[in-house]
């Protein structure tokens, strides 16, 4: 989720834009406005803005853009809920606003226009609004389980010039190799094969690594400048995770092999013993043998001897 904030002097142009029928516009929500027509919406905004003529730019237009990855889940209801949540956290309260959805792009997005002159004639602050907006967007993206884009997937790389072109080449190389390597030696070797040189930054004269740089085509970039996930500490953590996962997989494989071997041994021993003792549950010989043993174990009745009585 991203927000683009634009402030202006006149409501007419922005209202005509967001209510343009050619964009398959849907008005999702409005507050404090007469929405009978475009002109009635514009007049409503202008009337309230006239309560405080000291504000040079009473118009605030915010585009809330969502990733195409979330297209299926972005219902009108959810988008309104997110927009209201956004306004609440931005301090956009007690004022007129209108929310409209456009369908002219691949990614879901809505347009929010609000009056910076509140219902009480006071100005709604815009202090550090872009910084606050960025933090709130990240927070809402996590809250609503939305796709978190790194921002690089939307870059038109074929239009890039140097040194950005090389930076993105290194980015894709690291993206492909870091998840596959188990240690730094392996990663450095694979990067070199791909034409990327690795440079470590040490703490003074010690062996403690403080940072990392990658070089290609005579351009050099800090790992964190390529992407935050490619700082030294984060790559090191990922490599350790890869190594641990491999050890676990190997142990599981060895355990499975051991279990299979034990199972095979038991089957062989059981087969041999079964052959020697002919122990089969439905074997007639066994039933006869058992009956024989029962008869054999019966106690014989004692023989009474009769003699002359003394």
Protein backbone atom coordinates (compact mmCIF):
# COMPACT_ATOMS: atom_id res chain seq x y z
CA UNK A 1 0.00 0.00 0.00
CA UNK A 2 1.30 3.42 -0.98
CA UNK A 3 -0.07 6.95 -0.69
CA UNK A 4 0.60 9.90 -2.99
CA UNK A 5 -0.29 13.27 -1.49
CA UNK A 6 -0.96 16.39 -3.58
CA UNK A 7 -2.24 19.72 -2.28
CA UNK A 8 -3.85 22.42 -4.37
CA UNK A 9 -5.86 25.63 -4.50
CA UNK A 10 -9.00 24.64 -6.43
CA UNK A 11 -11.46 21.77 -6.03
CA UNK A 12 -12.92 21.91 -9.52
CA UNK A 13 -10.08 20.23 -11.41
CA UNK A 14 -9.48 17.38 -8.96
CA UNK A 15 -13.19 16.57 -8.57
CA UNK A 16 -13.65 16.41 -12.33
CA UNK A 17 -10.65 14.08 -12.49
CA UNK A 18 -11.71 11.62 -9.80
CA UNK A 19 -15.35 11.54 -11.02
CA UNK A 20 -14.38 11.03 -14.66
CA UNK A 21 -16.75 8.43 -16.11
CA UNK A 22 -14.13 7.29 -18.63
CA UNK A 23 -12.20 5.72 -15.74
CA UNK A 24 -15.20 3.55 -14.76
CA UNK A 25 -15.37 5.56 -11.55
CA UNK A 26 -17.28 4.29 -8.53
CA UNK A 27 -17.98 6.67 -5.65
CA UNK A 28 -17.48 4.53 -2.54
CA UNK A 29 -17.92 6.98 0.32
CA UNK A 30 -18.52 10.67 1.07
CA UNK A 31 -19.07 12.87 4.10
CA UNK A 32 -20.51 16.39 4.41
CA UNK A 33 -21.11 16.78 0.67
CA UNK A 34 -24.01 17.03 -1.69
CA UNK A 35 -23.22 14.24 -4.17
CA UNK A 36 -26.13 14.80 -6.54
CA UNK A 37 -23.73 15.96 -9.26
CA UNK A 38 -20.13 17.05 -9.87
CA UNK A 39 -21.08 20.69 -9.55
CA UNK A 40 -22.86 20.13 -6.23
CA UNK A 41 -19.79 18.34 -4.82
CA UNK A 42 -17.53 21.19 -5.95
CA UNK A 43 -19.82 23.87 -4.50
CA UNK A 44 -19.97 22.02 -1.17
CA UNK A 45 -16.17 21.98 -0.89
CA UNK A 46 -15.81 25.64 -1.94
CA UNK A 47 -18.46 26.82 0.53
CA UNK A 48 -16.70 25.24 3.49
CA UNK A 49 -13.23 26.34 2.36
CA UNK A 50 -14.46 29.95 2.35
CA UNK A 51 -14.71 29.75 6.15
CA UNK A 52 -10.92 30.14 6.32
CA UNK A 53 -9.42 32.12 3.45
CA UNK A 54 -5.98 32.30 5.08
CA UNK A 55 -5.16 28.77 3.87
CA UNK A 56 -3.69 29.04 0.37
CA UNK A 57 -4.13 25.34 -0.48
CA UNK A 58 -7.33 23.94 1.07
CA UNK A 59 -7.46 20.96 -1.31
CA UNK A 60 -5.78 17.67 -0.43
CA UNK A 61 -5.87 14.81 -2.92
CA UNK A 62 -4.49 11.43 -1.81
CA UNK A 63 -4.19 8.40 -4.07
CA UNK A 64 -4.10 5.12 -2.13
CA UNK A 65 -2.50 2.45 -4.31
CA UNK A 66 -2.45 -1.28 -3.61
CA UNK A 67 -0.37 -4.05 -5.15
CA UNK A 68 -1.74 -6.00 -8.10
CA UNK A 69 -0.98 -9.06 -5.94
CA UNK A 70 -3.94 -8.04 -3.74
CA UNK A 71 -6.37 -7.47 -6.60
CA UNK A 72 -8.68 -10.36 -5.71
CA UNK A 73 -9.09 -9.36 -2.08
CA UNK A 74 -9.58 -5.61 -2.58
CA UNK A 75 -13.35 -5.26 -2.38
CA UNK A 76 -14.96 -1.83 -2.25
CA UNK A 77 -15.88 -2.41 1.38
CA UNK A 78 -12.31 -3.27 2.37
CA UNK A 79 -10.89 -0.29 0.52
CA UNK A 80 -13.26 2.09 2.30
CA UNK A 81 -12.35 0.51 5.65
CA UNK A 82 -8.64 0.97 4.95
CA UNK A 83 -9.18 4.56 3.76
CA UNK A 84 -11.10 5.47 6.91
CA UNK A 85 -8.42 3.83 9.05
CA UNK A 86 -5.79 5.81 7.16
CA UNK A 87 -7.64 9.11 7.68
CA UNK A 88 -8.15 8.40 11.38
CA UNK A 89 -4.43 7.83 11.92
CA UNK A 90 -3.49 10.83 9.77
CA UNK A 91 -5.73 13.09 11.85
CA UNK A 92 -8.12 13.79 8.98
CA UNK A 93 -11.27 14.25 11.03
CA UNK A 94 -14.34 16.46 11.26
CA UNK A 95 -14.20 17.54 7.62
CA UNK A 96 -15.65 16.90 4.17
CA UNK A 97 -14.27 14.10 2.01
CA UNK A 98 -15.08 11.92 -0.97
CA UNK A 99 -13.61 8.53 -1.92
CA UNK A 100 -13.77 7.21 -5.49
CA UNK A 101 -12.37 4.06 -7.05
CA UNK A 102 -10.82 3.97 -10.53
CA UNK A 103 -10.32 0.91 -12.75
CA UNK A 104 -7.98 2.44 -15.34
CA UNK A 105 -4.83 0.68 -14.08
CA UNK A 106 -3.80 -2.90 -13.35
CA UNK A 107 -3.42 -2.33 -9.63
CA UNK A 108 -6.36 -1.46 -7.32
CA UNK A 109 -6.43 2.17 -6.22
CA UNK A 110 -8.75 4.79 -4.82
CA UNK A 111 -8.73 8.58 -4.72
CA UNK A 112 -9.45 10.51 -1.55
CA UNK A 113 -10.15 14.23 -1.68
CA UNK A 114 -10.74 16.08 1.58
CA UNK A 115 -11.15 19.68 2.68
CA UNK A 116 -8.25 20.95 4.77
CA UNK A 117 -10.69 23.44 6.26
CA UNK A 118 -12.63 21.45 8.84
CA UNK A 119 -16.30 21.69 9.69
CA UNK A 120 -15.40 24.13 12.46
CA UNK A 121 -13.36 26.38 10.16
CA UNK A 122 -10.04 25.22 11.64
CA UNK A 123 -7.16 23.98 9.49
CA UNK A 124 -6.31 20.29 9.43
CA UNK A 125 -2.55 20.16 9.89
CA UNK A 126 -0.29 18.82 7.16
CA UNK A 127 2.86 18.87 9.29
CA UNK A 128 5.23 16.05 8.23
CA UNK A 129 2.28 14.48 6.42
CA UNK A 130 4.38 12.52 3.94
CA UNK A 131 6.60 11.01 6.63
CA UNK A 132 3.58 10.15 8.77
CA UNK A 133 1.77 8.75 5.74
CA UNK A 134 4.63 6.40 4.85
CA UNK A 135 4.72 4.95 8.36
CA UNK A 136 0.93 4.56 8.47
CA UNK A 137 0.88 2.83 5.07
CA UNK A 138 3.41 0.26 6.27
CA UNK A 139 1.40 -0.25 9.45
CA UNK A 140 -1.87 -0.75 7.55
CA UNK A 141 -0.22 -3.05 5.01
CA UNK A 142 0.77 -5.33 7.89
CA UNK A 143 -2.55 -4.92 9.73
CA UNK A 144 -4.66 -5.98 6.73
CA UNK A 145 -2.27 -8.67 5.52
CA UNK A 146 -1.53 -6.92 2.23
CA UNK A 147 1.35 -7.63 -0.12
CA UNK A 148 4.53 -5.87 0.93
CA UNK A 149 6.34 -4.77 -2.20
CA UNK A 150 10.05 -3.99 -2.13
CA UNK A 151 9.36 -1.31 -4.72
CA UNK A 152 11.86 -2.77 -7.18
CA UNK A 153 9.36 -4.99 -8.97
CA UNK A 154 7.60 -1.91 -10.38
CA UNK A 155 10.76 -0.38 -11.84
CA UNK A 156 10.98 -0.28 -15.65
CA UNK A 157 14.52 -1.64 -15.80
CA UNK A 158 14.87 -1.39 -19.58
CA UNK A 159 14.76 2.40 -19.17
CA UNK A 160 17.45 2.58 -16.50
CA UNK A 161 20.78 4.27 -17.10
CA UNK A 162 24.07 3.72 -15.33
CA UNK A 163 24.83 3.29 -12.50
CA UNK A 164 21.25 2.22 -11.66
CA UNK A 165 21.27 -0.37 -14.44
CA UNK A 166 24.27 -2.15 -12.89
CA UNK A 167 22.81 -1.82 -9.39
CA UNK A 168 19.69 -3.71 -10.45
CA UNK A 169 21.79 -6.37 -12.16
CA UNK A 170 23.64 -6.95 -8.87
CA UNK A 171 20.31 -6.95 -7.01
CA UNK A 172 18.93 -9.78 -9.15
CA UNK A 173 22.18 -11.75 -8.85
CA UNK A 174 22.11 -11.53 -5.06
CA UNK A 175 18.40 -12.34 -5.01
CA UNK A 176 19.11 -15.58 -6.88
CA UNK A 177 22.29 -16.68 -5.06
CA UNK A 178 21.92 -15.75 -1.38
CA UNK A 179 19.07 -18.25 -0.70
CA UNK A 180 21.13 -21.08 -2.26
CA UNK A 181 24.53 -20.61 -0.59
CA UNK A 182 25.55 -22.02 2.81
CA UNK A 183 28.51 -19.76 3.66
CA UNK A 184 30.41 -16.67 2.55
CA UNK A 185 33.07 -18.60 0.68
CA UNK A 186 30.46 -20.25 -1.51
CA UNK A 187 28.55 -16.99 -2.07
CA UNK A 188 31.68 -14.99 -2.99
CA UNK A 189 32.68 -17.72 -5.45
CA UNK A 190 29.26 -17.82 -7.11
CA UNK A 191 29.08 -14.03 -7.31
CA UNK A 192 32.47 -13.95 -9.00
CA UNK A 193 31.24 -16.41 -11.62
CA UNK A 194 28.36 -14.00 -12.28
CA UNK A 195 30.76 -11.07 -12.71
CA UNK A 196 30.21 -9.51 -9.28
CA UNK A 197 33.19 -8.84 -6.99
CA UNK A 198 32.76 -8.76 -3.20
CA UNK A 199 34.57 -6.38 -0.84
CA UNK A 200 34.40 -6.59 2.96
CA UNK A 201 34.80 -3.59 5.24
CA UNK A 202 36.64 -4.38 8.50
CA UNK A 203 36.66 -2.67 11.87
CA UNK A 204 40.12 -1.06 12.03
CA UNK A 205 42.87 -3.68 11.88
CA UNK A 206 40.67 -6.42 13.33
CA UNK A 207 38.96 -9.34 11.57
CA UNK A 208 35.54 -8.04 12.53
CA UNK A 209 33.47 -7.35 9.40
CA UNK A 210 31.45 -4.13 9.57
CA UNK A 211 30.01 -3.92 6.09
CA UNK A 212 30.08 -5.15 2.52
CA UNK A 213 30.28 -3.74 -0.99
CA UNK A 214 29.61 -5.28 -4.39
CA UNK A 215 31.35 -4.24 -7.60
CA UNK A 216 30.47 -4.74 -11.25
CA UNK A 217 31.25 -2.80 -14.45
CA UNK A 218 33.50 -0.47 -12.42
CA UNK A 219 30.55 0.53 -10.23
CA UNK A 220 30.64 -0.12 -6.49
CA UNK A 221 27.63 -0.23 -4.14
CA UNK A 222 27.15 -0.83 -0.43
CA UNK A 223 25.04 -3.92 0.16
CA UNK A 224 22.35 -1.96 2.00
CA UNK A 225 22.17 0.56 -0.87
CA UNK A 226 21.32 -2.23 -3.30
CA UNK A 227 18.59 -3.37 -0.94
CA UNK A 228 18.15 -3.45 2.83
CA UNK A 229 18.08 -7.26 2.79
CA UNK A 230 21.61 -7.30 1.37
CA UNK A 231 23.46 -5.59 4.20
CA UNK A 232 26.32 -7.68 5.63
CA UNK A 233 24.44 -8.63 8.80
CA UNK A 234 21.30 -9.72 6.97
CA UNK A 235 23.16 -11.76 4.37
CA UNK A 236 25.21 -13.38 7.14
CA UNK A 237 22.03 -14.29 9.00
CA UNK A 238 20.51 -15.80 5.85
CA UNK A 239 23.61 -17.87 5.11
CA UNK A 240 23.58 -19.26 8.66
CA UNK A 241 19.90 -20.13 8.24
CA UNK A 242 20.66 -21.90 4.97
CA UNK A 243 23.44 -23.94 6.61
CA UNK A 244 21.23 -24.88 9.57
CA UNK A 245 18.42 -25.98 7.26
CA UNK A 246 20.83 -28.15 5.30
CA UNK A 247 22.10 -29.85 8.49
CA UNK A 248 18.53 -30.56 9.59
CA UNK A 249 17.70 -32.02 6.18
CA UNK A 250 20.82 -34.20 6.24
CA UNK A 251 20.02 -35.48 9.75
CA UNK A 252 16.46 -36.27 8.71
CA UNK A 253 17.73 -38.08 5.62
CA UNK A 254 20.23 -40.10 7.68
CA UNK A 255 17.55 -40.95 10.22
CA UNK A 256 15.22 -42.09 7.47
CA UNK A 257 17.99 -44.20 5.91
CA UNK A 258 18.73 -45.72 9.34
CA UNK A 259 15.06 -46.47 9.93
CA UNK A 260 14.77 -48.11 6.52
CA UNK A 261 17.86 -50.23 7.24
CA UNK A 262 16.48 -51.38 10.61
CA UNK A 263 13.15 -52.17 9.02
CA UNK A 264 14.83 -54.21 6.29
CA UNK A 265 16.89 -56.13 8.88
CA UNK A 266 13.80 -56.95 10.90
CA UNK A 267 12.04 -58.19 7.78
CA UNK A 268 15.00 -60.40 6.86
CA UNK A 269 15.33 -61.85 10.38
CA UNK A 270 11.58 -62.39 10.58
CA UNK A 271 11.62 -64.15 7.24
CA UNK A 272 14.46 -66.44 8.30
CA UNK A 273 12.89 -67.29 11.64
CA UNK A 274 9.54 -67.80 10.02
CA UNK A 275 11.10 -70.20 7.57
CA UNK A 276 12.87 -72.13 10.30
CA UNK A 277 10.00 -72.34 12.71
CA UNK A 278 7.28 -72.32 10.08
CA UNK A 279 5.28 -69.88 12.18
CA UNK A 280 2.31 -69.00 10.03
CA UNK A 281 -1.03 -68.07 11.62
CA UNK A 282 -3.11 -70.17 9.25
CA UNK A 283 -0.76 -73.13 8.80
CA UNK A 284 -2.65 -76.44 9.45
CA UNK A 285 0.54 -78.07 10.67
CA UNK A 286 0.71 -75.64 13.57
CA UNK A 287 -2.85 -76.40 14.64
CA UNK A 288 -2.14 -80.15 14.65
CA UNK A 289 1.10 -79.58 16.50
CA UNK A 290 -0.68 -77.49 19.11
CA UNK A 291 -3.36 -80.12 19.61
CA UNK A 292 -0.68 -82.74 19.96
CA UNK A 293 1.04 -80.68 22.63
CA UNK A 294 -2.24 -80.24 24.55
CA UNK A 295 -2.90 -83.94 24.51
CA UNK A 296 0.64 -84.64 25.49
CA UNK A 297 0.41 -82.37 28.55
CA UNK A 298 -2.82 -83.95 29.92
CA UNK A 299 -2.26 -85.67 33.22
CA UNK A 300 -2.88 -89.41 33.20
CA UNK A 301 -5.46 -90.65 35.66
CA UNK A 302 -3.85 -92.50 38.61
CA UNK A 303 -4.27 -96.34 38.48
CA UNK A 304 -5.98 -97.70 41.54
CA UNK A 305 -4.59 -100.96 42.78
CA UNK A 306 -6.95 -103.28 44.70
CA UNK A 307 -5.53 -105.79 47.07
CA UNK A 308 -6.70 -107.93 49.84
CA UNK A 309 -7.60 -106.03 52.87
CA UNK A 310 -5.53 -106.91 55.83
